[in-house]
Amino acid sequence: MQNRLLAGLPVAEFESLAADLELLPLRLGELLYEPGQRLRYAYFPTTAVVSLHYVVANGASAESAGVGPDGMVGIALFMGSESAPSSAVVQMGGHGYRLDRRQLLAAFGRGGAFQRALLRYTQALITQITQTAACYRHHSVEQQLSRWLLTTADRLAEGELVMTQELVGGLLGIRRETITEAAGRLRDAGHIGYRRGHISILDRVGLQTCACECYSVVKKELGRLLPAVAPGLQMAR
């Protein structure tokens, strides 16, 4: 499975990076970095999904963005900072490529397609973070949950999410009981199914009718800005 940003590079540019890319497992719950921590690596998920979230003083947190095969973790490295204000935690286990900060900065500094891809992805990520903030403020729990399920499923090869409702509530900053009620309504409508630790999307079109416009706004922006290579393609280099 291939990361979309890397898969969209011209062959010559990819080959200049290939020797420095380290494919490794990203395990559920693994903390890739903490707020204020010096970043050593950038990560390009292939089958994993990583959650970026902010933690407030009382320990509560909420996801600001998710990163899967459509992006990378560690934009602060090429934006002139060595640390980030948020944390990055593996939300769905899988694999990804790791790239040392020195190699990332050297490749970014050469310009070309790699630099353009990272800058365009940064714009898409900013859109996602901004839209998510508006979603938390203005939309119902059912709309937020529908948006999150659709967005996360788009980043996976399968339609089933290995995820508890308690963990989803933690990502959205919502009590588990409230998430359970919203998920129950979506299940009763036939849009999703769930069993312990697993959530399945049964009717994507129906679920989209329950989601707010935030889902389509972010999806459209990702499609507009990212390379025209479908996530999940096998590397053909």
C-alpha atoms as a PDB file:
ATOM      1  CA  MET A   1       0.000   0.000   0.000  1.00  0.00           C
ATOM      2  CA  GLN A   2       1.369   3.391  -0.974  1.00  0.00           C
ATOM      3  CA  ASN A   3       1.187   6.888   0.450  1.00  0.00           C
ATOM      4  CA  ARG A   4      -0.519   9.294  -1.935  1.00  0.00           C
ATOM      5  CA  LEU A   5       2.049  12.075  -1.619  1.00  0.00           C
ATOM      6  CA  LEU A   6       4.921   9.711  -2.392  1.00  0.00           C
ATOM      7  CA  ALA A   7       3.025   7.851  -5.119  1.00  0.00           C
ATOM      8  CA  GLY A   8       2.386  11.131  -6.946  1.00  0.00           C
ATOM      9  CA  LEU A   9       6.073  12.013  -7.273  1.00  0.00           C
ATOM     10  CA  PRO A  10       7.948  11.708 -10.574  1.00  0.00           C
ATOM     11  CA  VAL A  11      10.075   8.554 -10.641  1.00  0.00           C
ATOM     12  CA  ALA A  12      13.375  10.454 -10.375  1.00  0.00           C
ATOM     13  CA  GLU A  13      12.279  12.404  -7.290  1.00  0.00           C
ATOM     14  CA  PHE A  14      10.893   9.322  -5.595  1.00  0.00           C
ATOM     15  CA  GLU A  15      14.094   7.405  -6.238  1.00  0.00           C
ATOM     16  CA  SER A  16      16.125  10.208  -4.640  1.00  0.00           C
ATOM     17  CA  LEU A  17      14.107   9.650  -1.447  1.00  0.00           C
ATOM     18  CA  ALA A  18      13.674   5.878  -1.573  1.00  0.00           C
ATOM     19  CA  ALA A  19      16.915   4.916   0.181  1.00  0.00           C
ATOM     20  CA  ASP A  20      16.037   7.134   3.169  1.00  0.00           C
ATOM     21  CA  LEU A  21      12.439   5.942   3.569  1.00  0.00           C
ATOM     22  CA  GLU A  22      11.998   3.366   6.326  1.00  0.00           C
ATOM     23  CA  LEU A  23       8.815   1.270   6.211  1.00  0.00           C
ATOM     24  CA  LEU A  24       7.727   0.359   9.727  1.00  0.00           C
ATOM     25  CA  PRO A  25       4.622  -0.706  11.666  1.00  0.00           C
ATOM     26  CA  LEU A  26       2.604   2.063  13.317  1.00  0.00           C
ATOM     27  CA  ARG A  27       0.793   0.440  16.219  1.00  0.00           C
ATOM     28  CA  LEU A  28      -2.573   1.466  17.635  1.00  0.00           C
ATOM     29  CA  GLY A  29      -2.066   4.012  20.400  1.00  0.00           C
ATOM     30  CA  GLU A  30       1.588   4.684  19.545  1.00  0.00           C
ATOM     31  CA  LEU A  31       2.586   8.266  20.346  1.00  0.00           C
ATOM     32  CA  LEU A  32       4.600   9.661  17.437  1.00  0.00           C
ATOM     33  CA  TYR A  33       5.198  13.015  19.106  1.00  0.00           C
ATOM     34  CA  GLU A  34       4.005  15.178  21.987  1.00  0.00           C
ATOM     35  CA  PRO A  35       3.371  18.950  22.168  1.00  0.00           C
ATOM     36  CA  GLY A  36       6.638  20.871  22.315  1.00  0.00           C
ATOM     37  CA  GLN A  37       8.756  17.769  21.695  1.00  0.00           C
ATOM     38  CA  ARG A  38      11.594  18.131  19.183  1.00  0.00           C
ATOM     39  CA  LEU A  39      10.599  16.314  16.012  1.00  0.00           C
ATOM     40  CA  ARG A  40      13.110  13.841  14.597  1.00  0.00           C
ATOM     41  CA  TYR A  41      11.049  12.242  11.845  1.00  0.00           C
ATOM     42  CA  ALA A  42       8.250  12.837   9.382  1.00  0.00           C
ATOM     43  CA  TYR A  43       5.779  10.006   8.805  1.00  0.00           C
ATOM     44  CA  PHE A  44       3.972   9.078   5.593  1.00  0.00           C
ATOM     45  CA  PRO A  45       1.198   6.594   6.546  1.00  0.00           C
ATOM     46  CA  THR A  46       0.307   3.859   4.066  1.00  0.00           C
ATOM     47  CA  THR A  47      -2.251   1.706   5.898  1.00  0.00           C
ATOM     48  CA  ALA A  48      -2.275   3.466   9.283  1.00  0.00           C
ATOM     49  CA  VAL A  49      -4.282   6.525  10.330  1.00  0.00           C
ATOM     50  CA  VAL A  50      -2.789   9.073  12.734  1.00  0.00           C
ATOM     51  CA  SER A  51      -4.768  11.506  14.856  1.00  0.00           C
ATOM     52  CA  LEU A  52      -3.526  15.034  15.512  1.00  0.00           C
ATOM     53  CA  HIS A  53      -5.103  16.467  18.618  1.00  0.00           C
ATOM     54  CA  TYR A  54      -4.743  19.237  21.147  1.00  0.00           C
ATOM     55  CA  VAL A  55      -4.655  18.607  24.890  1.00  0.00           C
ATOM     56  CA  VAL A  56      -5.860  21.340  27.241  1.00  0.00           C
ATOM     57  CA  ALA A  57      -4.667  22.006  30.791  1.00  0.00           C
ATOM     58  CA  ASN A  58      -7.195  19.688  32.464  1.00  0.00           C
ATOM     59  CA  GLY A  59      -6.113  16.759  30.284  1.00  0.00           C
ATOM     60  CA  ALA A  60      -9.120  16.797  27.935  1.00  0.00           C
ATOM     61  CA  SER A  61      -8.407  16.614  24.212  1.00  0.00           C
ATOM     62  CA  ALA A  62     -10.055  16.593  20.797  1.00  0.00           C
ATOM     63  CA  GLU A  63      -8.869  15.659  17.336  1.00  0.00           C
ATOM     64  CA  SER A  64      -8.019  18.569  15.069  1.00  0.00           C
ATOM     65  CA  ALA A  65      -7.220  16.434  12.001  1.00  0.00           C
ATOM     66  CA  GLY A  66      -6.602  12.892  10.839  1.00  0.00           C
ATOM     67  CA  VAL A  67      -3.761  11.797   8.568  1.00  0.00           C
ATOM     68  CA  GLY A  68      -3.794   8.620   6.510  1.00  0.00           C
ATOM     69  CA  PRO A  69      -2.420   7.484   3.121  1.00  0.00           C
ATOM     70  CA  ASP A  70      -3.447  10.911   1.814  1.00  0.00           C
ATOM     71  CA  GLY A  71      -0.866  12.857   3.801  1.00  0.00           C
ATOM     72  CA  MET A  72       2.072  13.130   6.174  1.00  0.00           C
ATOM     73  CA  VAL A  73       2.737  13.825   9.836  1.00  0.00           C
ATOM     74  CA  GLY A  74       5.295  16.470  10.782  1.00  0.00           C
ATOM     75  CA  ILE A  75       4.628  19.559   8.641  1.00  0.00           C
ATOM     76  CA  ALA A  76       6.300  21.684  11.337  1.00  0.00           C
ATOM     77  CA  LEU A  77       9.658  20.359  10.139  1.00  0.00           C
ATOM     78  CA  PHE A  78       9.547  22.211   6.816  1.00  0.00           C
ATOM     79  CA  MET A  79       7.546  25.167   8.159  1.00  0.00           C
ATOM     80  CA  GLY A  80      10.532  26.480  10.117  1.00  0.00           C
ATOM     81  CA  SER A  81       9.873  24.844  13.506  1.00  0.00           C
ATOM     82  CA  GLU A  82      11.391  21.856  15.257  1.00  0.00           C
ATOM     83  CA  SER A  83       8.316  21.104  17.372  1.00  0.00           C
ATOM     84  CA  ALA A  84       4.525  21.110  17.086  1.00  0.00           C
ATOM     85  CA  PRO A  85       1.805  22.368  19.469  1.00  0.00           C
ATOM     86  CA  SER A  86      -0.270  19.192  19.112  1.00  0.00           C
ATOM     87  CA  SER A  87       0.311  15.508  19.685  1.00  0.00           C
ATOM     88  CA  ALA A  88       0.204  12.744  17.070  1.00  0.00           C
ATOM     89  CA  VAL A  89      -1.188   9.341  18.067  1.00  0.00           C
ATOM     90  CA  VAL A  90      -1.792   6.288  15.877  1.00  0.00           C
ATOM     91  CA  GLN A  91      -5.573   5.967  15.687  1.00  0.00           C
ATOM     92  CA  MET A  92      -5.749   2.946  13.365  1.00  0.00           C
ATOM     93  CA  GLY A  93      -2.786   0.585  13.322  1.00  0.00           C
ATOM     94  CA  GLY A  94      -0.976  -0.231  10.089  1.00  0.00           C
ATOM     95  CA  HIS A  95       2.239   0.784   8.365  1.00  0.00           C
ATOM     96  CA  GLY A  96       3.915   3.930   7.175  1.00  0.00           C
ATOM     97  CA  TYR A  97       7.204   5.352   5.939  1.00  0.00           C
ATOM     98  CA  ARG A  98       9.481   7.268   8.293  1.00  0.00           C
ATOM     99  CA  LEU A  99      11.870   9.919   7.001  1.00  0.00           C
ATOM    100  CA  ASP A 100      14.599  11.557   9.078  1.00  0.00           C
ATOM    101  CA  ARG A 101      14.221  15.339   9.441  1.00  0.00           C
ATOM    102  CA  ARG A 102      17.583  15.993   7.755  1.00  0.00           C
ATOM    103  CA  GLN A 103      16.623  14.042   4.645  1.00  0.00           C
ATOM    104  CA  LEU A 104      13.181  15.677   4.611  1.00  0.00           C
ATOM    105  CA  LEU A 105      14.644  19.179   4.781  1.00  0.00           C
ATOM    106  CA  ALA A 106      17.252  18.396   2.140  1.00  0.00           C
ATOM    107  CA  ALA A 107      14.599  17.076  -0.257  1.00  0.00           C
ATOM    108  CA  PHE A 108      12.260  19.987   0.504  1.00  0.00           C
ATOM    109  CA  GLY A 109      15.080  22.461  -0.063  1.00  0.00           C
ATOM    110  CA  ARG A 110      15.685  21.107  -3.566  1.00  0.00           C
ATOM    111  CA  GLY A 111      12.230  22.304  -4.581  1.00  0.00           C
ATOM    112  CA  GLY A 112      10.485  20.389  -7.330  1.00  0.00           C
ATOM    113  CA  ALA A 113       7.413  18.162  -7.075  1.00  0.00           C
ATOM    114  CA  PHE A 114       8.157  17.021  -3.513  1.00  0.00           C
ATOM    115  CA  GLN A 115       8.173  20.566  -2.170  1.00  0.00           C
ATOM    116  CA  ARG A 116       5.009  21.462  -4.093  1.00  0.00           C
ATOM    117  CA  ALA A 117       3.218  18.337  -2.847  1.00  0.00           C
ATOM    118  CA  LEU A 118       4.042  19.097   0.797  1.00  0.00           C
ATOM    119  CA  LEU A 119       2.971  22.730   0.521  1.00  0.00           C
ATOM    120  CA  ARG A 120      -0.302  21.818  -1.168  1.00  0.00           C
ATOM    121  CA  TYR A 121      -0.916  19.156   1.452  1.00  0.00           C
ATOM    122  CA  THR A 122      -0.304  21.751   4.177  1.00  0.00           C
ATOM    123  CA  GLN A 123      -3.030  23.916   2.664  1.00  0.00           C
ATOM    124  CA  ALA A 124      -5.398  20.936   2.644  1.00  0.00           C
ATOM    125  CA  LEU A 125      -4.517  20.140   6.268  1.00  0.00           C
ATOM    126  CA  ILE A 126      -5.201  23.725   7.337  1.00  0.00           C
ATOM    127  CA  THR A 127      -8.603  23.464   5.654  1.00  0.00           C
ATOM    128  CA  GLN A 128      -9.310  20.253   7.565  1.00  0.00           C
ATOM    129  CA  ILE A 129      -8.303  21.768  10.919  1.00  0.00           C
ATOM    130  CA  THR A 130     -10.350  24.939  10.307  1.00  0.00           C
ATOM    131  CA  GLN A 131     -13.406  22.994   9.189  1.00  0.00           C
ATOM    132  CA  THR A 132     -13.143  20.636  12.155  1.00  0.00           C
ATOM    133  CA  ALA A 133     -13.089  23.584  14.580  1.00  0.00           C
ATOM    134  CA  ALA A 134     -16.257  24.982  12.985  1.00  0.00           C
ATOM    135  CA  CYS A 135     -17.865  21.531  13.069  1.00  0.00           C
ATOM    136  CA  TYR A 136     -17.287  21.157  16.816  1.00  0.00           C
ATOM    137  CA  ARG A 137     -18.905  24.544  17.427  1.00  0.00           C
ATOM    138  CA  HIS A 138     -21.910  24.459  15.124  1.00  0.00           C
ATOM    139  CA  HIS A 139     -22.962  20.878  14.324  1.00  0.00           C
ATOM    140  CA  SER A 140     -24.756  18.150  16.226  1.00  0.00           C
ATOM    141  CA  VAL A 141     -23.049  15.083  17.682  1.00  0.00           C
ATOM    142  CA  GLU A 142     -24.724  12.895  15.052  1.00  0.00           C
ATOM    143  CA  GLN A 143     -23.382  15.114  12.263  1.00  0.00           C
ATOM    144  CA  GLN A 144     -19.889  15.142  13.772  1.00  0.00           C
ATOM    145  CA  LEU A 145     -19.869  11.376  14.215  1.00  0.00           C
ATOM    146  CA  SER A 146     -21.081  10.817  10.638  1.00  0.00           C
ATOM    147  CA  ARG A 147     -18.386  13.159   9.290  1.00  0.00           C
ATOM    148  CA  TRP A 148     -15.670  11.451  11.302  1.00  0.00           C
ATOM    149  CA  LEU A 149     -16.728   7.943  10.276  1.00  0.00           C
ATOM    150  CA  LEU A 150     -16.827   8.858   6.583  1.00  0.00           C
ATOM    151  CA  THR A 151     -13.503  10.697   6.659  1.00  0.00           C
ATOM    152  CA  THR A 152     -11.754   7.881   8.508  1.00  0.00           C
ATOM    153  CA  ALA A 153     -13.231   5.197   6.251  1.00  0.00           C
ATOM    154  CA  ASP A 154     -11.990   7.104   3.184  1.00  0.00           C
ATOM    155  CA  ARG A 155      -8.443   6.566   4.460  1.00  0.00           C
ATOM    156  CA  LEU A 156      -8.826   2.804   4.891  1.00  0.00           C
ATOM    157  CA  ALA A 157      -8.838  -0.058   2.420  1.00  0.00           C
ATOM    158  CA  GLU A 158     -11.771  -1.674   4.253  1.00  0.00           C
ATOM    159  CA  GLY A 159     -15.107  -0.281   5.388  1.00  0.00           C
ATOM    160  CA  GLU A 160     -14.739  -1.558   8.956  1.00  0.00           C
ATOM    161  CA  LEU A 161     -13.102   0.523  11.661  1.00  0.00           C
ATOM    162  CA  VAL A 162     -11.406  -1.236  14.560  1.00  0.00           C
ATOM    163  CA  MET A 163     -12.461   1.367  17.075  1.00  0.00           C
ATOM    164  CA  THR A 164     -14.497   1.522  20.287  1.00  0.00           C
ATOM    165  CA  GLN A 165     -17.178   4.137  20.833  1.00  0.00           C
ATOM    166  CA  GLU A 166     -15.257   5.300  23.906  1.00  0.00           C
ATOM    167  CA  LEU A 167     -12.187   6.014  21.778  1.00  0.00           C
ATOM    168  CA  VAL A 168     -14.278   7.831  19.161  1.00  0.00           C
ATOM    169  CA  GLY A 169     -15.766   9.948  21.945  1.00  0.00           C
ATOM    170  CA  GLY A 170     -12.280  10.792  23.170  1.00  0.00           C
ATOM    171  CA  LEU A 171     -11.207  11.875  19.688  1.00  0.00           C
ATOM    172  CA  LEU A 172     -14.258  14.087  19.267  1.00  0.00           C
ATOM    173  CA  GLY A 173     -14.129  15.399  22.840  1.00  0.00           C
ATOM    174  CA  ILE A 174     -17.607  13.985  23.569  1.00  0.00           C
ATOM    175  CA  ARG A 175     -18.795  11.758  26.416  1.00  0.00           C
ATOM    176  CA  ARG A 176     -19.055   8.055  25.553  1.00  0.00           C
ATOM    177  CA  GLU A 177     -22.736   7.944  26.511  1.00  0.00           C
ATOM    178  CA  THR A 178     -23.531  10.738  24.047  1.00  0.00           C
ATOM    179  CA  ILE A 179     -21.592   8.962  21.287  1.00  0.00           C
ATOM    180  CA  THR A 180     -23.456   5.728  22.069  1.00  0.00           C
ATOM    181  CA  GLU A 181     -26.813   7.483  21.648  1.00  0.00           C
ATOM    182  CA  ALA A 182     -25.792   9.038  18.311  1.00  0.00           C
ATOM    183  CA  ALA A 183     -24.328   5.746  17.059  1.00  0.00           C
ATOM    184  CA  GLY A 184     -27.538   3.981  18.064  1.00  0.00           C
ATOM    185  CA  ARG A 185     -29.592   6.332  15.904  1.00  0.00           C
ATOM    186  CA  LEU A 186     -27.280   5.760  12.935  1.00  0.00           C
ATOM    187  CA  ARG A 187     -27.482   1.994  13.481  1.00  0.00           C
ATOM    188  CA  ASP A 188     -31.273   2.036  13.735  1.00  0.00           C
ATOM    189  CA  ALA A 189     -31.387   3.938  10.441  1.00  0.00           C
ATOM    190  CA  GLY A 190     -29.301   1.175   8.842  1.00  0.00           C
ATOM    191  CA  HIS A 191     -26.310   3.398   8.106  1.00  0.00           C
ATOM    192  CA  ILE A 192     -23.781   1.654  10.364  1.00  0.00           C
ATOM    193  CA  GLY A 193     -23.359  -1.544  12.291  1.00  0.00           C
ATOM    194  CA  TYR A 194     -21.233  -2.117  15.341  1.00  0.00           C
ATOM    195  CA  ARG A 195     -20.039  -4.815  17.638  1.00  0.00           C
ATOM    196  CA  ARG A 196     -17.505  -4.626  20.415  1.00  0.00           C
ATOM    197  CA  GLY A 197     -14.457  -2.773  19.116  1.00  0.00           C
ATOM    198  CA  HIS A 198     -15.662  -2.642  15.493  1.00  0.00           C
ATOM    199  CA  ILE A 199     -17.768  -0.119  13.549  1.00  0.00           C
ATOM    200  CA  SER A 200     -18.904  -0.863   9.973  1.00  0.00           C
ATOM    201  CA  ILE A 201     -20.375   1.526   7.420  1.00  0.00           C
ATOM    202  CA  LEU A 202     -23.332  -0.268   5.820  1.00  0.00           C
ATOM    203  CA  ASP A 203     -24.921   2.580   3.855  1.00  0.00           C
ATOM    204  CA  ARG A 204     -22.440   5.252   2.825  1.00  0.00           C
ATOM    205  CA  VAL A 205     -24.993   7.357   0.945  1.00  0.00           C
ATOM    206  CA  GLY A 206     -27.324   7.316   3.929  1.00  0.00           C
ATOM    207  CA  LEU A 207     -24.499   8.236   6.285  1.00  0.00           C
ATOM    208  CA  GLN A 208     -23.580  11.171   4.051  1.00  0.00           C
ATOM    209  CA  THR A 209     -27.113  12.542   4.432  1.00  0.00           C
ATOM    210  CA  CYS A 210     -26.542  12.576   8.203  1.00  0.00           C
ATOM    211  CA  ALA A 211     -23.144  14.281   7.974  1.00  0.00           C
ATOM    212  CA  CYS A 212     -22.668  18.030   7.857  1.00  0.00           C
ATOM    213  CA  GLU A 213     -21.164  19.881   4.906  1.00  0.00           C
ATOM    214  CA  CYS A 214     -17.736  19.698   6.576  1.00  0.00           C
ATOM    215  CA  TYR A 215     -17.182  16.223   5.133  1.00  0.00           C
ATOM    216  CA  SER A 216     -17.680  17.267   1.512  1.00  0.00           C
ATOM    217  CA  VAL A 217     -15.708  20.525   1.940  1.00  0.00           C
ATOM    218  CA  VAL A 218     -12.606  18.724   3.221  1.00  0.00           C
ATOM    219  CA  LYS A 219     -12.927  15.863   0.733  1.00  0.00           C
ATOM    220  CA  LYS A 220     -13.195  18.287  -2.182  1.00  0.00           C
ATOM    221  CA  GLU A 221     -10.168  20.269  -1.014  1.00  0.00           C
ATOM    222  CA  LEU A 222      -8.053  17.130  -0.630  1.00  0.00           C
ATOM    223  CA  GLY A 223      -9.040  16.031  -4.123  1.00  0.00           C
ATOM    224  CA  ARG A 224      -8.206  19.451  -5.557  1.00  0.00           C
ATOM    225  CA  LEU A 225      -4.804  19.842  -3.923  1.00  0.00           C
ATOM    226  CA  LEU A 226      -3.287  16.377  -3.719  1.00  0.00           C
ATOM    227  CA  PRO A 227      -1.643  14.407  -6.557  1.00  0.00           C
ATOM    228  CA  ALA A 228      -4.072  12.472  -8.742  1.00  0.00           C
ATOM    229  CA  VAL A 229      -3.027   9.062  -7.413  1.00  0.00           C
ATOM    230  CA  ALA A 230      -5.599   6.963  -5.554  1.00  0.00           C
ATOM    231  CA  PRO A 231      -4.616   6.013  -1.982  1.00  0.00           C
ATOM    232  CA  GLY A 232      -3.902   2.325  -1.509  1.00  0.00           C
ATOM    233  CA  LEU A 233      -2.106   1.729  -4.817  1.00  0.00           C
ATOM    234  CA  GLN A 234       0.685  -0.806  -4.776  1.00  0.00           C
ATOM    235  CA  MET A 235       4.071   0.785  -5.430  1.00  0.00           C
ATOM    236  CA  ALA A 236       4.997   0.269  -9.066  1.00  0.00           C
ATOM    237  CA  ARG A 237       8.516   1.661  -9.124  1.00  0.00           C
END
